[in-house]
Amino acid sequence: MKKVWIDTDPGIDDVFAIAMLIAAKEKVEIVGMSSIFGNVDVGQTTRNAKIVMEAASLAHLPLAKGASYPLCVPLDTSPFVHGDNGLGNMPLPVPTMKEANTYAPQAIVDVILENPNEITLLAIGPLTNVALAYLLEPRIAELAKEVVIMGGAVLCPGNITPAAEANFFHDPHAAQIVINAGWKVSLAGLDVCAFGKIPDELLDKISNSKNPLATIIKGATPFFKDFFRTLDIEEHLDFPDAMAAAFLLAPEIFITEELPLFVETEGSCMGQTLAVPRNKWYEDPNDKRKFQADDHIAPVNVMFKADNIKFLNLLEALFA
């Protein structure tokens, strides 16, 4: 049984990923959530997280409100992808649950210190909360069981700029801190998302299932589909955050490779996730020059492929 803290910016694909974990009660114990800006501002993502937790009968768990802004770059959100309310502009109830008394970074520190070597951090939004938690208490890098991230684009183009994936672009400095903190990191980036495409027939089945979040998935997905149609992508939708959730539940369906990575924090390639051969920027092994970026390269377990049939079978089982 994995104890999972979810750091999220709900978000249509966030809700899909959370629904997967709720359906896997025999494998996953959700111990709490934290909200972060990203798909929309943190006020709305916090409200959405409350709605999700209430719908899933998780309102007894802590929900910690997270950062309102990135560490160094201007705030940038993506309502054109997820709707102004983050959930496809579907009508939403007014949640009643209260937030935790502590903000997200401290809440993440507390849950890891209280459960040493047991907590998996599932980070499916910008990494500001996780970075601040590490800066508050660096010991959590030794005491967390693992960190599973949806973010980055290592050997493929980005989805918000040609170089960068959205979660890393929204706070590249936080991504660099988290990648380089020294804990076990597994990355579900855009490289693996192409293997998570879901046929419409199965998506309809999921949307009409008995999962407590199925109504939200059903109501929010049409907006998501319309966005992809603007990109001339209509056949088979994918939910990026679902790949990170799937890795928690069935890591054996993924092909991964440990690579030294660096996150670019400046310029037109801000947010780019770079694989660095030999842990250096250059090919000559006898060249001893040192670059500032050399201090921010760290090994990451990168997901590059997944068995789509096994992924779909996993969804079939979860939403039966």
C-alpha atoms as a PDB file:
ATOM      1  CA  MET A   1       0.000   0.000   0.000  1.00  0.00           C
ATOM      2  CA  LYS A   2       1.490   3.329  -1.104  1.00  0.00           C
ATOM      3  CA  LYS A   3       0.825   6.425   0.988  1.00  0.00           C
ATOM      4  CA  VAL A   4       0.421   9.265  -1.506  1.00  0.00           C
ATOM      5  CA  TRP A   5       0.304  13.032  -1.038  1.00  0.00           C
ATOM      6  CA  ILE A   6      -1.049  14.718  -4.176  1.00  0.00           C
ATOM      7  CA  ASP A   7       0.143  18.192  -5.173  1.00  0.00           C
ATOM      8  CA  THR A   8      -2.241  19.312  -7.907  1.00  0.00           C
ATOM      9  CA  ASP A   9      -3.719  22.153  -9.963  1.00  0.00           C
ATOM     10  CA  PRO A  10      -7.130  20.678 -10.901  1.00  0.00           C
ATOM     11  CA  GLY A  11      -7.377  20.682 -13.987  1.00  0.00           C
ATOM     12  CA  ILE A  12      -9.242  18.174 -16.119  1.00  0.00           C
ATOM     13  CA  ASP A  13      -6.409  15.673 -16.386  1.00  0.00           C
ATOM     14  CA  ASP A  14      -5.657  16.118 -12.670  1.00  0.00           C
ATOM     15  CA  VAL A  15      -9.187  14.966 -11.851  1.00  0.00           C
ATOM     16  CA  PHE A  16      -8.756  11.970 -14.156  1.00  0.00           C
ATOM     17  CA  ALA A  17      -5.518  10.993 -12.396  1.00  0.00           C
ATOM     18  CA  ILE A  18      -7.060  11.406  -8.943  1.00  0.00           C
ATOM     19  CA  ALA A  19     -10.044   9.289 -10.037  1.00  0.00           C
ATOM     20  CA  MET A  20      -7.620   6.514 -10.972  1.00  0.00           C
ATOM     21  CA  LEU A  21      -6.038   6.531  -7.523  1.00  0.00           C
ATOM     22  CA  ILE A  22      -9.412   6.626  -5.772  1.00  0.00           C
ATOM     23  CA  ALA A  23     -10.394   3.531  -7.722  1.00  0.00           C
ATOM     24  CA  ALA A  24      -7.225   1.716  -6.605  1.00  0.00           C
ATOM     25  CA  LYS A  25      -7.876   1.659  -2.869  1.00  0.00           C
ATOM     26  CA  GLU A  26      -6.127  -1.669  -2.516  1.00  0.00           C
ATOM     27  CA  LYS A  27      -2.871  -0.137  -3.798  1.00  0.00           C
ATOM     28  CA  VAL A  28      -2.989   3.512  -2.788  1.00  0.00           C
ATOM     29  CA  GLU A  29      -3.858   5.423   0.356  1.00  0.00           C
ATOM     30  CA  ILE A  30      -4.314   9.129  -0.353  1.00  0.00           C
ATOM     31  CA  VAL A  31      -3.133  10.923   2.800  1.00  0.00           C
ATOM     32  CA  GLY A  32      -3.768  14.512   1.721  1.00  0.00           C
ATOM     33  CA  MET A  33      -3.601  17.065  -1.054  1.00  0.00           C
ATOM     34  CA  SER A  34      -2.161  20.473  -1.744  1.00  0.00           C
ATOM     35  CA  SER A  35      -3.190  23.001  -4.371  1.00  0.00           C
ATOM     36  CA  ILE A  36      -0.980  25.005  -6.697  1.00  0.00           C
ATOM     37  CA  PHE A  37      -1.506  27.552  -9.469  1.00  0.00           C
ATOM     38  CA  GLY A  38      -1.135  26.215 -12.989  1.00  0.00           C
ATOM     39  CA  ASN A  39      -4.166  25.387 -15.065  1.00  0.00           C
ATOM     40  CA  VAL A  40      -5.872  28.347 -13.350  1.00  0.00           C
ATOM     41  CA  ASP A  41      -4.992  30.528 -10.341  1.00  0.00           C
ATOM     42  CA  VAL A  42      -4.529  28.953  -6.923  1.00  0.00           C
ATOM     43  CA  GLY A  43      -7.816  30.266  -5.585  1.00  0.00           C
ATOM     44  CA  GLN A  44      -9.701  28.310  -8.239  1.00  0.00           C
ATOM     45  CA  THR A  45      -7.501  25.206  -8.043  1.00  0.00           C
ATOM     46  CA  THR A  46      -8.028  25.144  -4.268  1.00  0.00           C
ATOM     47  CA  ARG A  47     -11.785  25.359  -4.774  1.00  0.00           C
ATOM     48  CA  ASN A  48     -11.613  22.596  -7.377  1.00  0.00           C
ATOM     49  CA  ALA A  49      -9.569  20.397  -5.042  1.00  0.00           C
ATOM     50  CA  LYS A  50     -12.227  20.826  -2.372  1.00  0.00           C
ATOM     51  CA  ILE A  51     -14.940  19.861  -4.850  1.00  0.00           C
ATOM     52  CA  VAL A  52     -12.983  16.780  -5.875  1.00  0.00           C
ATOM     53  CA  MET A  53     -12.289  15.738  -2.288  1.00  0.00           C
ATOM     54  CA  GLU A  54     -15.909  16.202  -1.249  1.00  0.00           C
ATOM     55  CA  ALA A  55     -17.161  14.224  -4.235  1.00  0.00           C
ATOM     56  CA  ALA A  56     -14.715  11.424  -3.424  1.00  0.00           C
ATOM     57  CA  SER A  57     -15.539  11.357   0.320  1.00  0.00           C
ATOM     58  CA  LEU A  58     -12.033  12.594   1.140  1.00  0.00           C
ATOM     59  CA  ALA A  59     -13.065  15.805   2.914  1.00  0.00           C
ATOM     60  CA  HIS A  60     -11.744  14.396   6.196  1.00  0.00           C
ATOM     61  CA  LEU A  61      -8.185  14.569   4.783  1.00  0.00           C
ATOM     62  CA  PRO A  62      -6.034  17.717   4.848  1.00  0.00           C
ATOM     63  CA  LEU A  63      -6.108  20.083   1.892  1.00  0.00           C
ATOM     64  CA  ALA A  64      -3.325  22.651   2.086  1.00  0.00           C
ATOM     65  CA  LYS A  65      -3.495  25.746  -0.080  1.00  0.00           C
ATOM     66  CA  GLY A  66      -0.291  26.291  -2.032  1.00  0.00           C
ATOM     67  CA  ALA A  67       1.714  29.044  -3.654  1.00  0.00           C
ATOM     68  CA  SER A  68      -0.011  31.801  -5.597  1.00  0.00           C
ATOM     69  CA  TYR A  69       3.024  32.645  -7.730  1.00  0.00           C
ATOM     70  CA  PRO A  70       6.138  30.989  -9.182  1.00  0.00           C
ATOM     71  CA  LEU A  71       9.496  31.527  -7.511  1.00  0.00           C
ATOM     72  CA  CYS A  72      11.008  33.913 -10.068  1.00  0.00           C
ATOM     73  CA  VAL A  73       8.946  34.198 -13.254  1.00  0.00           C
ATOM     74  CA  PRO A  74       5.573  35.915 -13.793  1.00  0.00           C
ATOM     75  CA  LEU A  75       2.387  33.959 -13.127  1.00  0.00           C
ATOM     76  CA  ASP A  76       1.057  32.225 -16.241  1.00  0.00           C
ATOM     77  CA  THR A  77      -2.007  29.965 -16.335  1.00  0.00           C
ATOM     78  CA  SER A  78      -3.809  27.921 -18.993  1.00  0.00           C
ATOM     79  CA  PRO A  79      -7.578  28.591 -18.900  1.00  0.00           C
ATOM     80  CA  PHE A  80      -7.668  28.229 -22.687  1.00  0.00           C
ATOM     81  CA  VAL A  81      -6.953  24.514 -22.162  1.00  0.00           C
ATOM     82  CA  HIS A  82      -9.033  23.801 -19.056  1.00  0.00           C
ATOM     83  CA  GLY A  83     -11.642  26.582 -18.981  1.00  0.00           C
ATOM     84  CA  ASP A  84     -11.894  29.652 -16.785  1.00  0.00           C
ATOM     85  CA  ASN A  85     -12.871  27.509 -13.796  1.00  0.00           C
ATOM     86  CA  GLY A  86     -10.266  24.839 -14.566  1.00  0.00           C
ATOM     87  CA  LEU A  87     -12.897  22.186 -15.137  1.00  0.00           C
ATOM     88  CA  GLY A  88     -14.155  22.920 -18.614  1.00  0.00           C
ATOM     89  CA  ASN A  89     -16.510  25.689 -17.479  1.00  0.00           C
ATOM     90  CA  MET A  90     -18.986  23.074 -16.272  1.00  0.00           C
ATOM     91  CA  PRO A  91     -21.320  24.168 -13.444  1.00  0.00           C
ATOM     92  CA  LEU A  92     -19.606  23.508 -10.131  1.00  0.00           C
ATOM     93  CA  PRO A  93     -21.005  23.158  -6.600  1.00  0.00           C
ATOM     94  CA  VAL A  94     -19.893  25.425  -3.782  1.00  0.00           C
ATOM     95  CA  PRO A  95     -17.576  23.376  -1.541  1.00  0.00           C
ATOM     96  CA  THR A  96     -17.891  23.565   2.229  1.00  0.00           C
ATOM     97  CA  MET A  97     -14.765  21.789   3.500  1.00  0.00           C
ATOM     98  CA  LYS A  98     -12.103  23.831   5.265  1.00  0.00           C
ATOM     99  CA  GLU A  99      -8.485  24.182   4.253  1.00  0.00           C
ATOM    100  CA  ALA A 100      -5.687  22.977   6.491  1.00  0.00           C
ATOM    101  CA  ASN A 101      -4.236  25.475   8.946  1.00  0.00           C
ATOM    102  CA  THR A 102      -0.802  25.234   7.325  1.00  0.00           C
ATOM    103  CA  TYR A 103       0.193  26.168   3.796  1.00  0.00           C
ATOM    104  CA  ALA A 104       1.219  23.500   1.313  1.00  0.00           C
ATOM    105  CA  PRO A 105       5.034  23.592   1.698  1.00  0.00           C
ATOM    106  CA  GLN A 106       4.811  23.121   5.469  1.00  0.00           C
ATOM    107  CA  ALA A 107       2.085  20.490   5.096  1.00  0.00           C
ATOM    108  CA  ILE A 108       4.331  18.503   2.733  1.00  0.00           C
ATOM    109  CA  VAL A 109       7.233  18.756   5.181  1.00  0.00           C
ATOM    110  CA  ASP A 110       5.008  17.648   8.068  1.00  0.00           C
ATOM    111  CA  VAL A 111       3.530  14.601   6.339  1.00  0.00           C
ATOM    112  CA  ILE A 112       6.972  13.350   5.280  1.00  0.00           C
ATOM    113  CA  LEU A 113       8.543  13.880   8.714  1.00  0.00           C
ATOM    114  CA  GLU A 114       5.588  12.150  10.376  1.00  0.00           C
ATOM    115  CA  ASN A 115       5.807   9.190   7.966  1.00  0.00           C
ATOM    116  CA  PRO A 116       9.521   8.726   7.234  1.00  0.00           C
ATOM    117  CA  ASN A 117      10.347   6.672   4.138  1.00  0.00           C
ATOM    118  CA  GLU A 118       6.648   6.055   3.443  1.00  0.00           C
ATOM    119  CA  ILE A 119       5.316   9.052   1.506  1.00  0.00           C
ATOM    120  CA  THR A 120       5.156   9.192  -2.276  1.00  0.00           C
ATOM    121  CA  LEU A 121       4.750  12.751  -3.537  1.00  0.00           C
ATOM    122  CA  LEU A 122       2.638  12.811  -6.682  1.00  0.00           C
ATOM    123  CA  ALA A 123       3.254  16.232  -8.215  1.00  0.00           C
ATOM    124  CA  ILE A 124       0.947  16.898 -11.175  1.00  0.00           C
ATOM    125  CA  GLY A 125       1.199  20.682 -11.386  1.00  0.00           C
ATOM    126  CA  PRO A 126       3.985  23.270 -11.265  1.00  0.00           C
ATOM    127  CA  LEU A 127       6.550  22.284  -8.626  1.00  0.00           C
ATOM    128  CA  THR A 128       6.583  25.458  -6.505  1.00  0.00           C
ATOM    129  CA  ASN A 129       5.106  23.848  -3.375  1.00  0.00           C
ATOM    130  CA  VAL A 130       7.486  20.897  -3.524  1.00  0.00           C
ATOM    131  CA  ALA A 131      10.505  23.157  -4.063  1.00  0.00           C
ATOM    132  CA  LEU A 132       9.531  25.392  -1.142  1.00  0.00           C
ATOM    133  CA  ALA A 133       9.003  22.338   1.049  1.00  0.00           C
ATOM    134  CA  TYR A 134      12.532  21.179   0.257  1.00  0.00           C
ATOM    135  CA  LEU A 135      13.949  24.643   0.932  1.00  0.00           C
ATOM    136  CA  LEU A 136      12.123  24.727   4.285  1.00  0.00           C
ATOM    137  CA  GLU A 137      13.396  21.294   5.312  1.00  0.00           C
ATOM    138  CA  PRO A 138      16.018  19.646   3.073  1.00  0.00           C
ATOM    139  CA  ARG A 139      15.781  16.430   5.112  1.00  0.00           C
ATOM    140  CA  ILE A 140      12.594  15.514   3.260  1.00  0.00           C
ATOM    141  CA  ALA A 141      14.725  14.559   0.247  1.00  0.00           C
ATOM    142  CA  GLU A 142      16.124  11.720   2.363  1.00  0.00           C
ATOM    143  CA  LEU A 143      12.856  10.848   4.090  1.00  0.00           C
ATOM    144  CA  ALA A 144      10.384  10.808   1.184  1.00  0.00           C
ATOM    145  CA  LYS A 145       9.907   7.393  -0.406  1.00  0.00           C
ATOM    146  CA  GLU A 146       9.807   8.829  -3.935  1.00  0.00           C
ATOM    147  CA  VAL A 147       8.621  11.766  -6.026  1.00  0.00           C
ATOM    148  CA  VAL A 148       6.566  11.076  -9.150  1.00  0.00           C
ATOM    149  CA  ILE A 149       6.161  14.087 -11.425  1.00  0.00           C
ATOM    150  CA  MET A 150       4.093  14.862 -14.466  1.00  0.00           C
ATOM    151  CA  GLY A 151       6.253  17.406 -16.219  1.00  0.00           C
ATOM    152  CA  GLY A 152       9.000  18.030 -18.703  1.00  0.00           C
ATOM    153  CA  ALA A 153       9.709  17.075 -22.283  1.00  0.00           C
ATOM    154  CA  VAL A 154      13.088  15.380 -22.524  1.00  0.00           C
ATOM    155  CA  LEU A 155      13.429  14.141 -26.103  1.00  0.00           C
ATOM    156  CA  CYS A 156      10.279  15.623 -27.636  1.00  0.00           C
ATOM    157  CA  PRO A 157       8.870  19.117 -28.263  1.00  0.00           C
ATOM    158  CA  GLY A 158       7.098  21.051 -25.533  1.00  0.00           C
ATOM    159  CA  ASN A 159       3.393  21.818 -25.398  1.00  0.00           C
ATOM    160  CA  ILE A 160       3.458  25.450 -24.266  1.00  0.00           C
ATOM    161  CA  THR A 161       6.601  26.532 -26.138  1.00  0.00           C
ATOM    162  CA  PRO A 162       8.605  24.553 -28.687  1.00  0.00           C
ATOM    163  CA  ALA A 163      11.036  23.668 -25.886  1.00  0.00           C
ATOM    164  CA  ALA A 164       8.981  23.419 -22.696  1.00  0.00           C
ATOM    165  CA  GLU A 165       6.159  21.438 -21.129  1.00  0.00           C
ATOM    166  CA  ALA A 166       3.623  23.557 -19.235  1.00  0.00           C
ATOM    167  CA  ASN A 167       4.251  22.464 -15.620  1.00  0.00           C
ATOM    168  CA  PHE A 168       7.988  23.096 -15.914  1.00  0.00           C
ATOM    169  CA  PHE A 169       7.474  26.306 -17.900  1.00  0.00           C
ATOM    170  CA  HIS A 170       5.150  27.745 -15.233  1.00  0.00           C
ATOM    171  CA  ASP A 171       7.944  27.522 -12.647  1.00  0.00           C
ATOM    172  CA  PRO A 172      11.275  26.413 -14.136  1.00  0.00           C
ATOM    173  CA  HIS A 173      13.285  27.391 -11.077  1.00  0.00           C
ATOM    174  CA  ALA A 174      11.121  25.186  -8.865  1.00  0.00           C
ATOM    175  CA  ALA A 175      11.495  22.312 -11.339  1.00  0.00           C
ATOM    176  CA  GLN A 176      15.274  22.704 -11.267  1.00  0.00           C
ATOM    177  CA  ILE A 177      15.320  22.679  -7.448  1.00  0.00           C
ATOM    178  CA  VAL A 178      13.115  19.579  -7.198  1.00  0.00           C
ATOM    179  CA  ILE A 179      15.019  17.650  -9.862  1.00  0.00           C
ATOM    180  CA  ASN A 180      18.311  18.413  -8.122  1.00  0.00           C
ATOM    181  CA  ALA A 181      17.221  17.810  -4.502  1.00  0.00           C
ATOM    182  CA  GLY A 182      18.640  14.313  -4.210  1.00  0.00           C
ATOM    183  CA  TRP A 183      15.502  12.221  -3.779  1.00  0.00           C
ATOM    184  CA  LYS A 184      14.266   9.442  -6.039  1.00  0.00           C
ATOM    185  CA  VAL A 185      12.450  11.159  -8.924  1.00  0.00           C
ATOM    186  CA  SER A 186      10.415   9.502 -11.664  1.00  0.00           C
ATOM    187  CA  LEU A 187       9.294  11.720 -14.526  1.00  0.00           C
ATOM    188  CA  ALA A 188       6.190  11.211 -16.637  1.00  0.00           C
ATOM    189  CA  GLY A 189       6.838  13.852 -19.262  1.00  0.00           C
ATOM    190  CA  LEU A 190       5.391  14.502 -22.680  1.00  0.00           C
ATOM    191  CA  ASP A 191       7.682  11.769 -24.033  1.00  0.00           C
ATOM    192  CA  VAL A 192       5.351   9.090 -22.642  1.00  0.00           C
ATOM    193  CA  CYS A 193       1.974  10.794 -23.077  1.00  0.00           C
ATOM    194  CA  ALA A 194       1.549   9.577 -26.669  1.00  0.00           C
ATOM    195  CA  PHE A 195       1.272   6.063 -25.227  1.00  0.00           C
ATOM    196  CA  GLY A 196      -1.704   7.063 -23.065  1.00  0.00           C
ATOM    197  CA  LYS A 197      -4.271   7.851 -25.745  1.00  0.00           C
ATOM    198  CA  ILE A 198      -7.782   6.732 -24.789  1.00  0.00           C
ATOM    199  CA  PRO A 199     -10.392   5.743 -27.412  1.00  0.00           C
ATOM    200  CA  ASP A 200     -13.701   7.617 -27.250  1.00  0.00           C
ATOM    201  CA  GLU A 201     -15.607   4.434 -26.456  1.00  0.00           C
ATOM    202  CA  LEU A 202     -13.555   3.794 -23.324  1.00  0.00           C
ATOM    203  CA  LEU A 203     -13.656   7.463 -22.343  1.00  0.00           C
ATOM    204  CA  ASP A 204     -17.464   7.363 -22.552  1.00  0.00           C
ATOM    205  CA  LYS A 205     -17.466   4.269 -20.356  1.00  0.00           C
ATOM    206  CA  ILE A 206     -15.244   6.008 -17.796  1.00  0.00           C
ATOM    207  CA  SER A 207     -17.420   9.134 -17.867  1.00  0.00           C
ATOM    208  CA  ASN A 208     -20.502   7.059 -17.086  1.00  0.00           C
ATOM    209  CA  SER A 209     -18.882   4.763 -14.517  1.00  0.00           C
ATOM    210  CA  LYS A 210     -19.660   4.624 -10.802  1.00  0.00           C
ATOM    211  CA  ASN A 211     -16.400   6.373  -9.923  1.00  0.00           C
ATOM    212  CA  PRO A 212     -17.251   9.335  -7.661  1.00  0.00           C
ATOM    213  CA  LEU A 213     -15.400  11.700 -10.019  1.00  0.00           C
ATOM    214  CA  ALA A 214     -16.984  10.378 -13.224  1.00  0.00           C
ATOM    215  CA  THR A 215     -19.529  13.219 -13.303  1.00  0.00           C
ATOM    216  CA  ILE A 216     -16.745  15.801 -13.247  1.00  0.00           C
ATOM    217  CA  ILE A 217     -14.793  13.947 -15.946  1.00  0.00           C
ATOM    218  CA  LYS A 218     -17.934  13.800 -18.083  1.00  0.00           C
ATOM    219  CA  GLY A 219     -18.751  17.477 -17.597  1.00  0.00           C
ATOM    220  CA  ALA A 220     -15.233  18.818 -18.114  1.00  0.00           C
ATOM    221  CA  THR A 221     -13.942  16.668 -20.968  1.00  0.00           C
ATOM    222  CA  PRO A 222     -15.879  18.326 -23.848  1.00  0.00           C
ATOM    223  CA  PHE A 223     -13.980  21.610 -23.307  1.00  0.00           C
ATOM    224  CA  PHE A 224     -10.708  19.665 -23.250  1.00  0.00           C
ATOM    225  CA  LYS A 225     -11.650  17.947 -26.509  1.00  0.00           C
ATOM    226  CA  ASP A 226     -12.554  21.252 -28.140  1.00  0.00           C
ATOM    227  CA  PHE A 227      -9.113  22.621 -27.299  1.00  0.00           C
ATOM    228  CA  PHE A 228      -7.411  19.663 -28.949  1.00  0.00           C
ATOM    229  CA  ARG A 229      -9.613  20.114 -32.035  1.00  0.00           C
ATOM    230  CA  THR A 230      -8.125  23.590 -32.430  1.00  0.00           C
ATOM    231  CA  LEU A 231      -4.781  21.800 -32.800  1.00  0.00           C
ATOM    232  CA  ASP A 232      -6.248  19.370 -35.352  1.00  0.00           C
ATOM    233  CA  ILE A 233      -5.926  16.598 -32.769  1.00  0.00           C
ATOM    234  CA  GLU A 234      -9.265  14.809 -32.545  1.00  0.00           C
ATOM    235  CA  GLU A 235      -8.657  11.090 -32.517  1.00  0.00           C
ATOM    236  CA  HIS A 236      -8.096   9.656 -29.052  1.00  0.00           C
ATOM    237  CA  LEU A 237      -7.622  12.032 -26.146  1.00  0.00           C
ATOM    238  CA  ASP A 238      -4.816  11.690 -23.632  1.00  0.00           C
ATOM    239  CA  PHE A 239      -4.697  12.957 -20.061  1.00  0.00           C
ATOM    240  CA  PRO A 240      -1.041  13.662 -19.221  1.00  0.00           C
ATOM    241  CA  ASP A 241      -1.439  13.425 -15.448  1.00  0.00           C
ATOM    242  CA  ALA A 242      -2.966   9.963 -15.884  1.00  0.00           C
ATOM    243  CA  MET A 243       0.446   8.621 -16.899  1.00  0.00           C
ATOM    244  CA  ALA A 244       1.969   9.638 -13.561  1.00  0.00           C
ATOM    245  CA  ALA A 245      -0.938   7.981 -11.738  1.00  0.00           C
ATOM    246  CA  ALA A 246      -0.560   4.859 -13.873  1.00  0.00           C
ATOM    247  CA  PHE A 247       3.130   4.667 -12.947  1.00  0.00           C
ATOM    248  CA  LEU A 248       2.166   4.523  -9.279  1.00  0.00           C
ATOM    249  CA  LEU A 249      -0.277   1.700  -9.943  1.00  0.00           C
ATOM    250  CA  ALA A 250       1.525  -0.337 -12.619  1.00  0.00           C
ATOM    251  CA  PRO A 251       5.158   0.685 -13.097  1.00  0.00           C
ATOM    252  CA  GLU A 252       5.818  -2.525 -14.999  1.00  0.00           C
ATOM    253  CA  ILE A 253       3.948  -1.246 -18.076  1.00  0.00           C
ATOM    254  CA  PHE A 254       6.511   1.557 -18.539  1.00  0.00           C
ATOM    255  CA  ILE A 255       9.935   1.588 -20.146  1.00  0.00           C
ATOM    256  CA  THR A 256      12.181   3.981 -18.257  1.00  0.00           C
ATOM    257  CA  GLU A 257      15.760   5.184 -18.432  1.00  0.00           C
ATOM    258  CA  GLU A 258      17.805   6.969 -15.828  1.00  0.00           C
ATOM    259  CA  LEU A 259      19.262  10.107 -17.368  1.00  0.00           C
ATOM    260  CA  PRO A 260      21.134  13.129 -16.016  1.00  0.00           C
ATOM    261  CA  LEU A 261      18.746  16.068 -16.484  1.00  0.00           C
ATOM    262  CA  PHE A 262      18.895  19.829 -16.280  1.00  0.00           C
ATOM    263  CA  VAL A 263      16.010  22.331 -16.388  1.00  0.00           C
ATOM    264  CA  GLU A 264      16.677  25.592 -18.238  1.00  0.00           C
ATOM    265  CA  THR A 265      15.507  28.638 -16.269  1.00  0.00           C
ATOM    266  CA  GLU A 266      16.135  31.507 -18.699  1.00  0.00           C
ATOM    267  CA  GLY A 267      15.644  32.685 -22.254  1.00  0.00           C
ATOM    268  CA  SER A 268      13.525  31.366 -25.084  1.00  0.00           C
ATOM    269  CA  CYS A 269      14.094  27.777 -23.910  1.00  0.00           C
ATOM    270  CA  MET A 270      12.920  28.464 -20.341  1.00  0.00           C
ATOM    271  CA  GLY A 271      11.455  25.302 -18.834  1.00  0.00           C
ATOM    272  CA  GLN A 272      13.210  22.958 -21.250  1.00  0.00           C
ATOM    273  CA  THR A 273      14.262  19.612 -19.774  1.00  0.00           C
ATOM    274  CA  LEU A 274      17.673  18.685 -21.116  1.00  0.00           C
ATOM    275  CA  ALA A 275      19.324  15.292 -21.026  1.00  0.00           C
ATOM    276  CA  VAL A 276      23.040  15.849 -20.397  1.00  0.00           C
ATOM    277  CA  PRO A 277      25.511  13.249 -21.735  1.00  0.00           C
ATOM    278  CA  ARG A 278      28.240  12.302 -19.256  1.00  0.00           C
ATOM    279  CA  ASN A 279      26.725  14.744 -16.735  1.00  0.00           C
ATOM    280  CA  LYS A 280      28.483  17.539 -18.609  1.00  0.00           C
ATOM    281  CA  TRP A 281      27.631  20.003 -21.357  1.00  0.00           C
ATOM    282  CA  TYR A 282      30.424  18.954 -23.665  1.00  0.00           C
ATOM    283  CA  GLU A 283      31.718  15.762 -25.252  1.00  0.00           C
ATOM    284  CA  ASP A 284      35.459  15.956 -24.560  1.00  0.00           C
ATOM    285  CA  PRO A 285      36.039  13.900 -21.376  1.00  0.00           C
ATOM    286  CA  ASN A 286      39.407  15.583 -20.908  1.00  0.00           C
ATOM    287  CA  ASP A 287      37.900  19.065 -20.871  1.00  0.00           C
ATOM    288  CA  LYS A 288      37.695  20.110 -17.204  1.00  0.00           C
ATOM    289  CA  ARG A 289      35.899  23.414 -17.703  1.00  0.00           C
ATOM    290  CA  LYS A 290      33.098  23.986 -15.204  1.00  0.00           C
ATOM    291  CA  PHE A 291      29.815  25.675 -16.047  1.00  0.00           C
ATOM    292  CA  GLN A 292      27.274  27.005 -13.584  1.00  0.00           C
ATOM    293  CA  ALA A 293      24.712  24.555 -14.923  1.00  0.00           C
ATOM    294  CA  ASP A 294      26.949  21.618 -13.952  1.00  0.00           C
ATOM    295  CA  ASP A 295      25.783  22.095 -10.346  1.00  0.00           C
ATOM    296  CA  HIS A 296      22.146  21.477 -11.312  1.00  0.00           C
ATOM    297  CA  ILE A 297      22.337  18.195 -13.200  1.00  0.00           C
ATOM    298  CA  ALA A 298      20.806  15.187 -11.463  1.00  0.00           C
ATOM    299  CA  PRO A 299      19.785  11.628 -12.364  1.00  0.00           C
ATOM    300  CA  VAL A 300      16.063  11.150 -13.042  1.00  0.00           C
ATOM    301  CA  ASN A 301      14.084   8.028 -13.891  1.00  0.00           C
ATOM    302  CA  VAL A 302      12.421   9.132 -17.158  1.00  0.00           C
ATOM    303  CA  MET A 303       9.419   7.346 -18.660  1.00  0.00           C
ATOM    304  CA  PHE A 304       9.812   7.073 -22.414  1.00  0.00           C
ATOM    305  CA  LYS A 305       7.359   4.370 -23.445  1.00  0.00           C
ATOM    306  CA  ALA A 306       4.325   2.590 -22.066  1.00  0.00           C
ATOM    307  CA  ASP A 307       2.334  -0.409 -23.244  1.00  0.00           C
ATOM    308  CA  ASN A 308      -0.863   1.263 -24.442  1.00  0.00           C
ATOM    309  CA  ILE A 309      -2.885  -1.951 -24.377  1.00  0.00           C
ATOM    310  CA  LYS A 310      -1.899  -2.624 -20.773  1.00  0.00           C
ATOM    311  CA  PHE A 311      -2.613   1.014 -19.893  1.00  0.00           C
ATOM    312  CA  LEU A 312      -6.105   0.749 -21.363  1.00  0.00           C
ATOM    313  CA  ASN A 313      -6.645  -2.557 -19.591  1.00  0.00           C
ATOM    314  CA  LEU A 314      -5.669  -0.814 -16.347  1.00  0.00           C
ATOM    315  CA  LEU A 315      -8.292   1.866 -16.980  1.00  0.00           C
ATOM    316  CA  GLU A 316     -10.893  -0.776 -17.844  1.00  0.00           C
ATOM    317  CA  ALA A 317     -10.245  -2.491 -14.509  1.00  0.00           C
ATOM    318  CA  LEU A 318     -10.226   0.735 -12.495  1.00  0.00           C
ATOM    319  CA  PHE A 319     -13.449   2.114 -13.957  1.00  0.00           C
ATOM    320  CA  ALA A 320     -15.358  -1.156 -14.378  1.00  0.00           C
END
